[in-house]
């Protein structure tokens, strides 16, 4: 389970990045890399799953990222 409490503080970030923005960026990148689930990333960023999905769209990060083979398997009759 991911804990968002004190995951980042002012001593670990550049002075122009606040802790909330740092958690969001970390959650986005780890979700994009497949290191966190949607729920884990949303929790880390401090959002609901639905709101985090909207944020993913804002940053052009797909919610579902199938390979061509996976997509073919999913759509095969």
C-alpha atoms as a PDB file:
ATOM      1  CA  UNK A   1       0.000   0.000   0.000  1.00  0.00           C
ATOM      2  CA  UNK A   2       1.208   3.478  -0.842  1.00  0.00           C
ATOM      3  CA  UNK A   3       1.303   6.063   1.903  1.00  0.00           C
ATOM      4  CA  UNK A   4       0.958   9.678   0.817  1.00  0.00           C
ATOM      5  CA  UNK A   5       1.773  11.046   4.259  1.00  0.00           C
ATOM      6  CA  UNK A   6       5.178  12.626   4.267  1.00  0.00           C
ATOM      7  CA  UNK A   7       6.178  10.820   1.057  1.00  0.00           C
ATOM      8  CA  UNK A   8       7.706  14.102   0.001  1.00  0.00           C
ATOM      9  CA  UNK A   9       8.627  17.098   2.050  1.00  0.00           C
ATOM     10  CA  UNK A  10      10.214  20.437   1.320  1.00  0.00           C
ATOM     11  CA  UNK A  11      13.723  19.108   1.911  1.00  0.00           C
ATOM     12  CA  UNK A  12      13.464  16.581  -0.951  1.00  0.00           C
ATOM     13  CA  UNK A  13      12.022  18.905  -3.599  1.00  0.00           C
ATOM     14  CA  UNK A  14      13.268  21.959  -5.446  1.00  0.00           C
ATOM     15  CA  UNK A  15      11.986  25.192  -3.866  1.00  0.00           C
ATOM     16  CA  UNK A  16       9.588  25.836  -6.764  1.00  0.00           C
ATOM     17  CA  UNK A  17       7.737  22.495  -6.336  1.00  0.00           C
ATOM     18  CA  UNK A  18       5.340  21.986  -3.444  1.00  0.00           C
ATOM     19  CA  UNK A  19       4.708  18.564  -1.888  1.00  0.00           C
ATOM     20  CA  UNK A  20       1.257  18.189  -3.491  1.00  0.00           C
ATOM     21  CA  UNK A  21       2.599  18.793  -6.975  1.00  0.00           C
ATOM     22  CA  UNK A  22       5.507  16.447  -6.298  1.00  0.00           C
ATOM     23  CA  UNK A  23       3.160  13.650  -5.185  1.00  0.00           C
ATOM     24  CA  UNK A  24       0.988  14.191  -8.266  1.00  0.00           C
ATOM     25  CA  UNK A  25       3.943  14.060 -10.658  1.00  0.00           C
ATOM     26  CA  UNK A  26       5.332  10.982  -8.912  1.00  0.00           C
ATOM     27  CA  UNK A  27       1.923   9.263  -9.033  1.00  0.00           C
ATOM     28  CA  UNK A  28       1.495  10.086 -12.737  1.00  0.00           C
ATOM     29  CA  UNK A  29       4.916   8.757 -13.701  1.00  0.00           C
ATOM     30  CA  UNK A  30       4.706   5.593 -11.604  1.00  0.00           C
ATOM     31  CA  UNK A  31       1.229   4.892 -13.010  1.00  0.00           C
ATOM     32  CA  UNK A  32       2.468   5.486 -16.556  1.00  0.00           C
ATOM     33  CA  UNK A  33       5.356   3.054 -15.955  1.00  0.00           C
ATOM     34  CA  UNK A  34       2.984   0.444 -14.504  1.00  0.00           C
ATOM     35  CA  UNK A  35       4.610   0.614 -11.064  1.00  0.00           C
ATOM     36  CA  UNK A  36       1.361   1.732  -9.362  1.00  0.00           C
ATOM     37  CA  UNK A  37      -2.239   0.711  -9.959  1.00  0.00           C
ATOM     38  CA  UNK A  38      -4.848   3.347 -10.701  1.00  0.00           C
ATOM     39  CA  UNK A  39      -6.084   3.219  -7.103  1.00  0.00           C
ATOM     40  CA  UNK A  40      -2.585   3.430  -5.622  1.00  0.00           C
ATOM     41  CA  UNK A  41      -1.623   6.367  -7.846  1.00  0.00           C
ATOM     42  CA  UNK A  42      -4.869   8.201  -7.104  1.00  0.00           C
ATOM     43  CA  UNK A  43      -4.346   7.724  -3.364  1.00  0.00           C
ATOM     44  CA  UNK A  44      -0.740   8.918  -3.544  1.00  0.00           C
ATOM     45  CA  UNK A  45      -1.818  12.033  -5.458  1.00  0.00           C
ATOM     46  CA  UNK A  46      -4.728  12.687  -3.091  1.00  0.00           C
ATOM     47  CA  UNK A  47      -7.480  12.196  -5.680  1.00  0.00           C
ATOM     48  CA  UNK A  48     -10.422   9.878  -6.146  1.00  0.00           C
ATOM     49  CA  UNK A  49      -9.983   7.311  -8.913  1.00  0.00           C
ATOM     50  CA  UNK A  50     -12.437   9.208 -11.105  1.00  0.00           C
ATOM     51  CA  UNK A  51     -10.647  12.520 -10.612  1.00  0.00           C
ATOM     52  CA  UNK A  52      -7.267  10.884 -11.227  1.00  0.00           C
ATOM     53  CA  UNK A  53      -8.560   9.492 -14.533  1.00  0.00           C
ATOM     54  CA  UNK A  54      -9.417  13.080 -15.529  1.00  0.00           C
ATOM     55  CA  UNK A  55      -5.901  14.204 -14.548  1.00  0.00           C
ATOM     56  CA  UNK A  56      -4.407  11.376 -16.626  1.00  0.00           C
ATOM     57  CA  UNK A  57      -6.330  12.721 -19.616  1.00  0.00           C
ATOM     58  CA  UNK A  58      -5.037  16.228 -18.971  1.00  0.00           C
ATOM     59  CA  UNK A  59      -1.463  14.891 -19.130  1.00  0.00           C
ATOM     60  CA  UNK A  60      -2.243  12.629 -22.157  1.00  0.00           C
ATOM     61  CA  UNK A  61      -1.504   9.451 -20.193  1.00  0.00           C
ATOM     62  CA  UNK A  62      -3.736   6.558 -21.276  1.00  0.00           C
ATOM     63  CA  UNK A  63      -5.850   4.879 -18.619  1.00  0.00           C
ATOM     64  CA  UNK A  64      -5.592   1.593 -20.517  1.00  0.00           C
ATOM     65  CA  UNK A  65      -2.475   0.925 -22.572  1.00  0.00           C
ATOM     66  CA  UNK A  66      -2.836  -2.315 -24.537  1.00  0.00           C
ATOM     67  CA  UNK A  67      -0.140  -3.667 -26.824  1.00  0.00           C
ATOM     68  CA  UNK A  68      -1.273  -4.523 -30.369  1.00  0.00           C
ATOM     69  CA  UNK A  69      -1.380  -8.234 -29.475  1.00  0.00           C
ATOM     70  CA  UNK A  70      -3.391  -7.624 -26.290  1.00  0.00           C
ATOM     71  CA  UNK A  71      -5.864  -5.477 -28.190  1.00  0.00           C
ATOM     72  CA  UNK A  72      -6.245  -8.128 -30.889  1.00  0.00           C
ATOM     73  CA  UNK A  73      -6.891 -10.765 -28.203  1.00  0.00           C
ATOM     74  CA  UNK A  74      -9.493  -8.547 -26.517  1.00  0.00           C
ATOM     75  CA  UNK A  75     -11.365  -7.823 -29.752  1.00  0.00           C
ATOM     76  CA  UNK A  76     -11.140 -11.295 -31.361  1.00  0.00           C
ATOM     77  CA  UNK A  77     -14.395 -13.180 -31.857  1.00  0.00           C
END
